[in-house]
Amino acid sequence: MTVETVVPPSKDWCYVEWTPVVAGAFCAAALSVILVSFGVAVGLGVSSTSPTWRDASAALALLSGIYLILQAIISFGLGGYIAGRARAAIGAPESEEVERRDGLHGLASWALSVLLGAVLASLIGASTVNRLATRTPIADTTAAEPLLSYELDKLFRSARRSPNTDMSAERGEARRILMTTSSHSGVSNDDRTHLIQQVAATTGLSPQESERRVDGIIADSKTAIARTRRSSIIVAFSIAAATLLGAVAAWAAACAGGRHRDGGPLPEWMVGFNKLGGGRAANL
């Protein structure tokens, strides 16, 4: 009995082919940007600093999170399919090793696209902060943190004050006091009294009217911070779920792309899509 020794091709020693990985990552990142931009344009942004967002229902926030997850599955699935489909065929088709390598390429494409998205988001955030820092005075910190801008406008609203009056110091101090409404103890009596005196001095209202305005703004600020915190939790869970499900989609799509490359049988969900696409093409 003779044993034949099969020498694998040189490309077999390269476990990861970076060209398909990079191509899949760029395609996934590009499609993700398109889908996220479309969702924001039609009002499916998961969070916003606009005061009108605070009145949005929980159903809209949940729908925004679901859309974020779906776009991640579609985008990473496309990137994983391209990474698996464009990889060079190695070994016998439909073997566990081939499927494992295809899945690894899809997972690498997912990881690279996530890093590209993180870098892009960091660059956009840094440029936004730099523009705000050059356009606003150092003492005016409300522009950098617009969470309570609407409440501050209501707090210092006055018909007699000159429009050129600089209120940056007063608004900054009031904002820091109103941020304490989210703590367990809330706004202290000293801070509340100081706000009442500050509003009365800057707006010309009577002490009673200033007190009513300050109490109303304190309640509104507490509600606004609570709703913003709820939106932040939805954002965190949506991003985590979208990222993890995107990894699963990239792995599965890469394995499907590898089967398509080797001429093997496709998964049932891909067969259904092919039949649907073929039927539509025939109707056209």
Protein backbone atom coordinates (compact mmCIF):
# COMPACT_ATOMS: atom_id res chain seq x y z
CA MET A 1 0.00 0.00 0.00
CA THR A 2 1.50 3.27 -1.11
CA VAL A 3 0.75 6.56 0.60
CA GLU A 4 0.66 9.61 -1.61
CA THR A 5 1.95 12.84 -0.17
CA VAL A 6 0.01 15.87 -1.26
CA VAL A 7 1.96 19.12 -1.10
CA PRO A 8 -0.41 22.02 -0.43
CA PRO A 9 -0.10 25.13 -2.56
CA SER A 10 1.89 28.01 -1.17
CA LYS A 11 -1.23 30.09 -0.69
CA ASP A 12 -2.58 27.47 1.72
CA TRP A 13 0.03 28.50 4.26
CA CYS A 14 -1.44 32.00 4.40
CA TYR A 15 -4.34 31.44 6.76
CA VAL A 16 -5.81 34.94 6.28
CA GLU A 17 -5.99 36.72 2.93
CA TRP A 18 -6.18 40.39 3.69
CA THR A 19 -7.38 41.60 0.31
CA PRO A 20 -10.86 40.01 0.64
CA VAL A 21 -10.97 41.08 4.29
CA VAL A 22 -10.21 44.72 3.49
CA ALA A 23 -12.64 44.73 0.54
CA GLY A 24 -15.43 43.30 2.69
CA ALA A 25 -14.71 45.75 5.53
CA PHE A 26 -14.85 48.78 3.24
CA CYS A 27 -18.09 47.59 1.64
CA ALA A 28 -19.64 46.95 5.06
CA ALA A 29 -18.57 50.38 6.34
CA ALA A 30 -19.86 52.14 3.23
CA LEU A 31 -23.26 50.43 3.35
CA SER A 32 -23.51 51.09 7.08
CA VAL A 33 -22.90 54.82 6.56
CA ILE A 34 -25.59 54.92 3.88
CA LEU A 35 -28.17 53.08 5.98
CA VAL A 36 -27.45 55.07 9.16
CA SER A 37 -27.63 58.36 7.24
CA PHE A 38 -30.95 57.30 5.73
CA GLY A 39 -32.30 56.36 9.15
CA VAL A 40 -31.30 59.72 10.64
CA ALA A 41 -32.82 61.55 7.65
CA VAL A 42 -36.21 59.86 8.07
CA GLY A 43 -36.23 60.44 11.85
CA LEU A 44 -34.94 57.10 13.12
CA GLY A 45 -32.01 58.53 15.02
CA VAL A 46 -31.54 56.70 18.30
CA SER A 47 -30.65 59.87 20.20
CA SER A 48 -30.68 63.61 19.72
CA THR A 49 -29.93 66.76 21.69
CA SER A 50 -32.98 68.50 20.27
CA PRO A 51 -35.67 69.39 22.85
CA THR A 52 -38.34 67.83 20.60
CA TRP A 53 -36.67 64.42 20.94
CA ARG A 54 -37.51 64.40 24.62
CA ASP A 55 -41.18 64.17 23.71
CA ALA A 56 -40.63 61.16 21.44
CA SER A 57 -42.41 57.99 22.48
CA ALA A 58 -40.69 54.88 23.76
CA ALA A 59 -41.98 53.03 20.68
CA LEU A 60 -40.00 55.37 18.41
CA ALA A 61 -36.85 54.85 20.47
CA LEU A 62 -37.36 51.08 20.29
CA LEU A 63 -37.95 51.25 16.53
CA SER A 64 -34.75 53.26 16.14
CA GLY A 65 -32.81 50.62 18.05
CA ILE A 66 -34.29 47.82 15.93
CA TYR A 67 -33.36 49.70 12.77
CA LEU A 68 -29.79 50.09 14.03
CA ILE A 69 -29.58 46.34 14.61
CA LEU A 70 -31.05 45.49 11.20
CA GLN A 71 -28.70 47.80 9.33
CA ALA A 72 -25.74 46.27 11.15
CA ILE A 73 -26.82 42.75 10.17
CA ILE A 74 -27.26 43.77 6.53
CA SER A 75 -24.00 45.75 6.34
CA PHE A 76 -21.79 43.22 8.11
CA GLY A 77 -23.49 40.40 6.24
CA LEU A 78 -22.55 42.01 2.93
CA GLY A 79 -18.96 42.53 4.07
CA GLY A 80 -18.69 38.94 5.30
CA TYR A 81 -20.14 37.54 2.07
CA ILE A 82 -17.63 39.50 -0.02
CA ALA A 83 -14.76 38.36 2.20
CA GLY A 84 -15.77 34.72 1.87
CA ARG A 85 -16.70 34.88 -1.81
CA ALA A 86 -13.48 36.64 -2.91
CA ARG A 87 -11.17 34.36 -0.92
CA ALA A 88 -9.14 31.85 -2.92
CA ALA A 89 -10.49 28.29 -2.78
CA ILE A 90 -8.30 25.96 -0.68
CA GLY A 91 -8.89 22.29 0.01
CA ALA A 92 -11.96 20.17 -0.65
CA PRO A 93 -15.24 22.07 -0.90
CA GLU A 94 -17.72 21.78 1.97
CA SER A 95 -15.02 20.66 4.42
CA GLU A 96 -14.96 21.96 7.97
CA GLU A 97 -11.58 23.59 7.47
CA VAL A 98 -12.77 25.56 4.44
CA GLU A 99 -15.88 26.72 6.26
CA ARG A 100 -13.80 27.66 9.30
CA ARG A 101 -11.47 29.76 7.19
CA ASP A 102 -14.33 31.43 5.36
CA GLY A 103 -15.96 32.31 8.67
CA LEU A 104 -12.69 33.65 10.01
CA HIS A 105 -12.37 35.95 7.00
CA GLY A 106 -15.89 37.23 7.58
CA LEU A 107 -15.11 37.81 11.26
CA ALA A 108 -11.91 39.68 10.35
CA SER A 109 -13.88 41.83 7.92
CA TRP A 110 -16.39 42.60 10.69
CA ALA A 111 -13.62 43.57 13.12
CA LEU A 112 -11.90 45.83 10.61
CA SER A 113 -15.15 47.59 9.67
CA VAL A 114 -15.94 48.17 13.36
CA LEU A 115 -12.52 49.75 13.84
CA LEU A 116 -13.05 51.92 10.76
CA GLY A 117 -16.39 53.11 12.14
CA ALA A 118 -14.86 53.87 15.54
CA VAL A 119 -12.03 55.88 13.97
CA LEU A 120 -14.46 57.81 11.76
CA ALA A 121 -16.74 58.60 14.71
CA SER A 122 -13.76 59.77 16.78
CA LEU A 123 -12.54 62.06 14.00
CA ILE A 124 -16.00 63.58 13.54
CA GLY A 125 -16.40 64.10 17.29
CA ALA A 126 -12.97 65.69 17.64
CA SER A 127 -13.57 68.08 14.73
CA THR A 128 -16.96 69.08 16.17
CA VAL A 129 -15.46 69.84 19.58
CA ASN A 130 -12.65 71.87 17.98
CA ARG A 131 -15.14 73.97 15.99
CA LEU A 132 -17.21 74.64 19.10
CA ALA A 133 -14.12 75.59 21.07
CA THR A 134 -13.02 78.15 18.47
CA ARG A 135 -16.46 79.70 18.03
CA THR A 136 -17.50 80.03 21.68
CA PRO A 137 -15.83 81.74 24.66
CA ILE A 138 -14.14 79.63 27.28
CA ALA A 139 -16.62 80.66 29.96
CA ASP A 140 -19.60 79.59 27.86
CA THR A 141 -19.78 75.85 28.46
CA THR A 142 -23.45 75.50 27.54
CA ALA A 143 -22.61 75.26 23.84
CA ALA A 144 -20.46 72.19 24.46
CA GLU A 145 -23.15 70.53 26.58
CA PRO A 146 -26.55 71.45 25.11
CA LEU A 147 -28.52 69.06 27.27
CA LEU A 148 -30.27 71.80 29.29
CA SER A 149 -30.03 74.67 26.81
CA TYR A 150 -33.81 74.91 26.42
CA GLU A 151 -34.36 74.94 30.18
CA LEU A 152 -31.72 77.67 30.58
CA ASP A 153 -33.45 79.75 27.91
CA LYS A 154 -36.72 79.50 29.83
CA LEU A 155 -35.00 80.22 33.13
CA PHE A 156 -33.47 83.55 32.05
CA ARG A 157 -36.17 84.62 29.60
CA SER A 158 -36.89 88.32 29.95
CA ALA A 159 -38.42 91.04 27.81
CA ARG A 160 -36.47 93.93 29.30
CA ARG A 161 -32.92 92.60 29.02
CA SER A 162 -30.75 93.87 26.21
CA PRO A 163 -30.06 91.23 23.54
CA ASN A 164 -26.32 92.03 23.69
CA THR A 165 -26.06 91.16 27.39
CA ASP A 166 -23.51 88.43 28.06
CA MET A 167 -25.19 85.71 30.15
CA SER A 168 -22.56 83.01 29.68
CA ALA A 169 -21.37 83.05 33.31
CA GLU A 170 -24.90 82.97 34.75
CA ARG A 171 -26.02 80.23 32.34
CA GLY A 172 -22.96 78.13 33.09
CA GLU A 173 -23.50 78.35 36.84
CA ALA A 174 -27.21 77.63 36.50
CA ARG A 175 -26.51 74.63 34.27
CA ARG A 176 -24.15 73.14 36.84
CA ILE A 177 -26.75 73.59 39.54
CA LEU A 178 -29.53 72.08 37.43
CA MET A 179 -27.39 69.04 36.66
CA THR A 180 -27.59 68.14 40.36
CA THR A 181 -31.32 67.45 39.95
CA SER A 182 -30.41 63.92 38.79
CA SER A 183 -28.63 63.14 42.07
CA HIS A 184 -30.28 61.37 45.00
CA SER A 185 -30.43 64.50 47.15
CA GLY A 186 -31.46 66.82 44.30
CA VAL A 187 -30.86 70.56 44.29
CA SER A 188 -29.86 71.84 47.72
CA ASN A 189 -31.76 74.67 49.42
CA ASP A 190 -28.76 77.01 49.11
CA ASP A 191 -28.50 76.39 45.36
CA ARG A 192 -32.24 76.84 44.93
CA THR A 193 -32.17 80.15 46.82
CA HIS A 194 -29.21 81.31 44.76
CA LEU A 195 -31.03 80.48 41.52
CA ILE A 196 -34.10 82.41 42.67
CA GLN A 197 -32.00 85.47 43.46
CA GLN A 198 -30.11 85.17 40.17
CA VAL A 199 -33.32 84.94 38.12
CA ALA A 200 -34.87 87.87 39.96
CA ALA A 201 -31.76 90.02 39.38
CA THR A 202 -31.38 89.23 35.67
CA THR A 203 -35.04 89.14 34.58
CA GLY A 204 -36.67 91.67 36.89
CA LEU A 205 -39.31 89.23 38.12
CA SER A 206 -40.68 89.37 41.64
CA PRO A 207 -39.32 86.89 44.21
CA GLN A 208 -42.56 84.89 44.06
CA GLU A 209 -42.52 84.66 40.27
CA SER A 210 -38.82 83.81 40.28
CA GLU A 211 -39.44 81.04 42.80
CA ARG A 212 -42.21 79.52 40.68
CA ARG A 213 -40.04 79.68 37.58
CA VAL A 214 -37.06 78.08 39.29
CA ASP A 215 -39.19 75.25 40.73
CA GLY A 216 -40.68 74.56 37.30
CA ILE A 217 -37.28 74.55 35.61
CA ILE A 218 -35.87 72.21 38.26
CA ALA A 219 -38.68 69.73 37.57
CA ASP A 220 -38.25 70.06 33.79
CA SER A 221 -34.49 69.56 34.08
CA LYS A 222 -34.92 66.40 36.12
CA THR A 223 -37.31 65.01 33.50
CA ALA A 224 -34.99 65.97 30.62
CA ILE A 225 -31.99 64.31 32.26
CA ALA A 226 -34.00 61.15 32.96
CA ARG A 227 -35.18 60.93 29.34
CA THR A 228 -31.67 61.54 28.05
CA ARG A 229 -30.38 58.80 30.32
CA ARG A 230 -33.06 56.45 28.97
CA SER A 231 -32.02 57.27 25.41
CA SER A 232 -28.37 56.65 26.32
CA ILE A 233 -29.26 53.21 27.69
CA ILE A 234 -31.15 52.40 24.49
CA VAL A 235 -28.14 53.56 22.46
CA ALA A 236 -25.75 51.40 24.50
CA PHE A 237 -27.86 48.25 24.22
CA SER A 238 -28.60 48.85 20.53
CA ILE A 239 -24.94 49.35 19.64
CA ALA A 240 -23.86 46.30 21.65
CA ALA A 241 -26.58 44.09 20.14
CA ALA A 242 -25.94 45.40 16.62
CA THR A 243 -22.20 44.79 16.92
CA LEU A 244 -22.53 41.25 18.28
CA LEU A 245 -25.26 40.24 15.82
CA GLY A 246 -23.19 41.80 13.05
CA ALA A 247 -20.34 39.43 13.92
CA VAL A 248 -22.69 36.44 13.67
CA ALA A 249 -24.06 37.73 10.36
CA ALA A 250 -20.54 38.27 8.98
CA TRP A 251 -19.48 34.72 9.90
CA ALA A 252 -22.63 33.14 8.40
CA ALA A 253 -22.50 35.25 5.25
CA ALA A 254 -18.80 34.47 4.74
CA CYS A 255 -19.52 30.74 4.97
CA ALA A 256 -22.37 31.20 2.47
CA GLY A 257 -20.04 33.14 0.17
CA GLY A 258 -17.51 30.33 0.39
CA ARG A 259 -20.16 27.77 -0.62
CA HIS A 260 -21.18 29.98 -3.52
CA ARG A 261 -17.52 30.27 -4.56
CA ASP A 262 -17.00 26.50 -4.51
CA GLY A 263 -20.28 25.76 -6.29
CA GLY A 264 -21.73 24.00 -3.30
CA PRO A 265 -25.34 24.15 -2.05
CA LEU A 266 -26.37 27.51 -0.65
CA PRO A 267 -28.21 27.97 2.67
CA GLU A 268 -31.99 27.93 2.56
CA TRP A 269 -32.26 31.65 3.30
CA MET A 270 -29.98 32.48 0.36
CA VAL A 271 -31.90 30.11 -1.92
CA GLY A 272 -35.08 31.94 -1.00
CA PHE A 273 -33.51 35.29 -1.85
CA ASN A 274 -32.23 33.94 -5.16
CA LYS A 275 -35.67 32.62 -6.08
CA LEU A 276 -37.26 35.92 -5.12
CA GLY A 277 -34.73 37.86 -7.16
CA GLY A 278 -35.11 35.52 -10.12
CA GLY A 279 -38.89 35.85 -10.04
CA ARG A 280 -38.69 39.61 -10.00
CA ALA A 281 -36.19 39.59 -12.86
CA ALA A 282 -38.50 37.35 -14.88
CA ASN A 283 -41.44 39.67 -14.27
CA LEU A 284 -39.35 42.59 -15.48
